[in-house]
Amino acid sequence: MNQIKIGEFIASQRKKKNLTQAALADKLGITDRAVSKWERGKGLPDVSLMLDLCNVFGITVNELLCGEIMDMDNNKNEDLLLDMAKELEQKNKIIWTSMWTIMIVSITALFAGIMLAAFLMPEGVLQTVTMIGICIVFLIPCFYALKLEVSVGVYKCKNCGFEIVPTYSEALWAMHAGTTRYLKCPECQKRTWCKKVLKK
């Protein structure tokens, strides 16, 4: 795919509809910086935004990805792309659900194990070793859950709306509150609290 061609096509379709970048961004629920990035060929719309963008312009997904208006006799590619997008979204939801299940079960088991060791075992070295062992055993799945979290969706920069895909170690060492992490945005170079998003 030619990102520059697609960007020029998005810009031309936006102008045909007499929309500013800000107006288009409002319709899609994103920032005008994201629209500007597409039009400069620096990135492509997220799969979850493509249908909405095509609806605004009155074009097909195939036309968007080709960067030009095409004959209407070839809808197979578009159907295939839509099926792929739906399948990816479904897989992401399954991974996301699995991640939360692992986290909840692990943390519940961790606290239950610590409470049992604290109240049922006599104080001493054995109790301390047992508690440390419980922490190690039940925190390992939490690290795996983080890997699942990083593998789906993106973290959205609060400052510029850029979609960040951090490495595992960047996500691991970043301060966080739930699935919101304090990350450095490669686009605006600022550290902000970036919220995890699976789709628009």
Protein backbone atom coordinates (compact mmCIF):
# COMPACT_ATOMS: atom_id res chain seq x y z
CA MET A 1 0.00 0.00 0.00
CA ASN A 2 1.22 3.46 -0.92
CA GLN A 3 0.69 5.57 2.22
CA ILE A 4 1.41 8.84 0.43
CA LYS A 5 -1.15 8.07 -2.29
CA ILE A 6 -3.73 7.04 0.32
CA GLY A 7 -2.97 10.23 2.28
CA GLU A 8 -3.48 12.42 -0.79
CA PHE A 9 -6.72 10.54 -1.53
CA ILE A 10 -8.00 11.12 2.03
CA ALA A 11 -7.15 14.82 1.71
CA SER A 12 -8.95 15.12 -1.64
CA GLN A 13 -12.05 13.28 -0.38
CA ARG A 14 -12.12 15.45 2.74
CA LYS A 15 -11.98 18.61 0.64
CA LYS A 16 -14.73 17.31 -1.65
CA LYS A 17 -16.93 17.04 1.43
CA ASN A 18 -15.93 20.59 2.49
CA LEU A 19 -14.54 19.29 5.77
CA THR A 20 -11.59 20.65 7.71
CA GLN A 21 -9.19 18.21 9.33
CA ALA A 22 -10.71 19.13 12.70
CA ALA A 23 -14.27 18.54 11.44
CA LEU A 24 -13.32 15.12 10.04
CA ALA A 25 -11.53 14.26 13.28
CA ASP A 26 -14.67 15.17 15.28
CA LYS A 27 -16.80 12.86 13.13
CA LEU A 28 -14.38 10.00 13.78
CA GLY A 29 -13.76 10.76 17.45
CA ILE A 30 -10.02 11.30 17.01
CA THR A 31 -7.63 14.27 16.97
CA ASP A 32 -6.94 16.44 13.92
CA ARG A 33 -3.26 15.48 14.31
CA ALA A 34 -4.16 11.91 13.39
CA VAL A 35 -5.93 13.13 10.23
CA SER A 36 -2.93 15.32 9.39
CA LYS A 37 -0.64 12.32 9.84
CA TRP A 38 -2.71 10.25 7.40
CA GLU A 39 -2.80 13.02 4.81
CA ARG A 40 0.98 13.46 5.00
CA GLY A 41 1.43 9.72 4.38
CA LYS A 42 2.94 9.19 7.82
CA GLY A 43 0.43 6.53 8.85
CA LEU A 44 -2.83 4.81 7.98
CA PRO A 45 -6.21 4.89 9.70
CA ASP A 46 -6.74 2.15 12.27
CA VAL A 47 -8.74 -0.80 10.96
CA SER A 48 -11.53 0.07 13.40
CA LEU A 49 -11.82 3.57 11.84
CA MET A 50 -11.79 2.56 8.18
CA LEU A 51 -15.51 1.83 7.85
CA ASP A 52 -16.49 5.10 9.53
CA LEU A 53 -14.05 7.04 7.36
CA CYS A 54 -15.41 5.37 4.22
CA ASN A 55 -18.98 6.15 5.30
CA VAL A 56 -18.10 9.83 5.75
CA PHE A 57 -16.57 9.97 2.26
CA GLY A 58 -19.09 7.64 0.58
CA ILE A 59 -16.35 5.32 -0.70
CA THR A 60 -15.43 1.66 -0.25
CA VAL A 61 -12.62 0.27 1.91
CA ASN A 62 -11.01 -1.06 -1.28
CA GLU A 63 -10.97 2.45 -2.75
CA LEU A 64 -9.50 3.86 0.45
CA LEU A 65 -6.67 1.31 0.49
CA CYS A 66 -5.99 1.76 -3.23
CA GLY A 67 -6.07 5.55 -2.93
CA GLU A 68 -8.44 6.05 -5.86
CA ILE A 69 -12.06 5.67 -6.95
CA MET A 70 -12.56 2.26 -8.58
CA ASP A 71 -15.18 0.37 -10.55
CA MET A 72 -17.88 -1.11 -8.35
CA ASP A 73 -17.62 -4.61 -9.84
CA ASN A 74 -14.90 -5.82 -7.48
CA ASN A 75 -16.30 -6.14 -3.96
CA LYS A 76 -14.56 -9.42 -3.08
CA ASN A 77 -11.41 -7.70 -1.80
CA GLU A 78 -13.48 -5.37 0.35
CA ASP A 79 -15.47 -8.25 1.82
CA LEU A 80 -12.22 -10.09 2.54
CA LEU A 81 -10.75 -7.03 4.28
CA LEU A 82 -13.88 -6.57 6.37
CA ASP A 83 -13.86 -10.25 7.36
CA MET A 84 -10.18 -9.96 8.33
CA ALA A 85 -10.89 -6.84 10.40
CA LYS A 86 -13.79 -8.55 12.19
CA GLU A 87 -11.72 -11.67 12.83
CA LEU A 88 -8.84 -9.59 14.23
CA GLU A 89 -11.23 -7.65 16.46
CA GLN A 90 -12.75 -10.90 17.73
CA LYS A 91 -9.29 -12.36 18.48
CA ASN A 92 -8.32 -9.17 20.31
CA LYS A 93 -11.45 -9.40 22.46
CA ILE A 94 -10.66 -13.03 23.35
CA ILE A 95 -7.06 -12.11 24.27
CA TRP A 96 -8.29 -9.12 26.30
CA THR A 97 -10.80 -11.27 28.19
CA SER A 98 -8.11 -13.90 28.83
CA MET A 99 -5.75 -11.23 30.15
CA TRP A 100 -8.30 -9.95 32.67
CA THR A 101 -9.25 -13.50 33.70
CA ILE A 102 -5.60 -14.38 34.38
CA MET A 103 -5.06 -11.16 36.33
CA ILE A 104 -8.17 -11.54 38.50
CA VAL A 105 -7.60 -15.23 39.26
CA SER A 106 -3.88 -14.69 39.99
CA ILE A 107 -4.38 -11.71 42.29
CA THR A 108 -7.28 -13.41 44.12
CA ALA A 109 -5.18 -16.55 44.61
CA LEU A 110 -2.21 -14.44 45.73
CA PHE A 111 -4.18 -12.66 48.46
CA ALA A 112 -5.93 -15.87 49.52
CA GLY A 113 -2.57 -17.67 49.80
CA ILE A 114 -0.99 -14.86 51.81
CA MET A 115 -3.99 -14.67 54.16
CA LEU A 116 -3.95 -18.44 54.71
CA ALA A 117 -0.21 -18.42 55.39
CA ALA A 118 -0.55 -15.43 57.73
CA PHE A 119 -3.36 -16.92 59.83
CA LEU A 120 -2.77 -20.68 59.65
CA MET A 121 1.01 -20.90 59.93
CA PRO A 122 3.05 -20.07 63.02
CA GLU A 123 5.16 -16.93 62.74
CA GLY A 124 8.74 -17.52 61.72
CA VAL A 125 11.04 -18.28 58.83
CA LEU A 126 8.76 -20.95 57.33
CA GLN A 127 5.83 -18.52 57.18
CA THR A 128 8.01 -15.85 55.50
CA VAL A 129 9.41 -18.34 52.95
CA THR A 130 5.91 -19.60 52.22
CA MET A 131 4.62 -16.06 51.62
CA ILE A 132 7.52 -15.27 49.29
CA GLY A 133 6.91 -18.53 47.41
CA ILE A 134 3.21 -17.71 47.04
CA CYS A 135 4.08 -14.25 45.68
CA ILE A 136 6.47 -15.73 43.10
CA VAL A 137 4.06 -18.46 41.98
CA PHE A 138 1.06 -16.18 41.59
CA LEU A 139 2.85 -13.14 40.15
CA ILE A 140 4.29 -15.09 37.19
CA PRO A 141 0.86 -15.25 35.46
CA CYS A 142 0.55 -11.48 35.93
CA PHE A 143 3.68 -10.96 33.79
CA TYR A 144 2.11 -13.19 31.13
CA ALA A 145 -1.12 -11.18 31.36
CA LEU A 146 0.89 -7.99 30.70
CA LYS A 147 2.34 -9.63 27.58
CA LEU A 148 -1.22 -10.30 26.40
CA GLU A 149 -2.20 -6.70 27.17
CA VAL A 150 0.69 -5.29 25.11
CA SER A 151 -0.10 -7.63 22.17
CA VAL A 152 -3.56 -6.18 21.47
CA GLY A 153 -4.71 -2.68 20.63
CA VAL A 154 -2.63 0.43 21.27
CA TYR A 155 -1.95 2.98 23.98
CA LYS A 156 -3.32 6.38 22.93
CA CYS A 157 -1.22 9.46 23.78
CA LYS A 158 -3.32 11.88 25.82
CA ASN A 159 -1.40 14.84 24.39
CA CYS A 160 -1.46 14.24 20.60
CA GLY A 161 -3.60 11.13 20.07
CA PHE A 162 -0.71 9.13 18.60
CA GLU A 163 -1.18 5.37 18.88
CA ILE A 164 1.76 3.89 20.79
CA VAL A 165 2.78 0.23 20.65
CA PRO A 166 5.42 -0.09 23.39
CA THR A 167 7.79 -2.99 23.86
CA TYR A 168 7.07 -5.42 26.69
CA SER A 169 9.85 -3.93 28.84
CA GLU A 170 8.61 -0.36 28.25
CA ALA A 171 5.11 -1.38 29.39
CA LEU A 172 6.47 -3.41 32.33
CA TRP A 173 8.55 -0.57 33.78
CA ALA A 174 6.06 2.22 33.06
CA MET A 175 4.02 3.54 35.97
CA HIS A 176 0.45 2.39 35.53
CA ALA A 177 -3.08 2.49 36.86
CA GLY A 178 -4.90 -0.54 35.50
CA THR A 179 -4.30 -0.54 31.74
CA THR A 180 -3.37 3.15 31.59
CA ARG A 181 0.41 3.57 31.44
CA TYR A 182 2.78 6.52 31.71
CA LEU A 183 4.63 6.32 28.38
CA LYS A 184 6.80 8.55 26.21
CA CYS A 185 5.09 9.32 22.90
CA PRO A 186 7.41 8.93 19.88
CA GLU A 187 5.35 11.54 17.99
CA CYS A 188 5.21 14.51 20.43
CA GLN A 189 8.15 13.30 22.61
CA LYS A 190 6.16 13.94 25.81
CA ARG A 191 5.40 11.54 28.65
CA THR A 192 1.68 11.27 29.37
CA TRP A 193 -0.82 8.82 30.82
CA CYS A 194 -1.71 6.74 27.76
CA LYS A 195 -4.95 4.82 27.81
CA LYS A 196 -5.20 1.33 26.32
CA VAL A 197 -7.68 1.15 23.45
CA LEU A 198 -8.68 -1.86 21.40
CA LYS A 199 -10.65 0.18 18.87
CA LYS A 200 -12.14 3.62 18.39
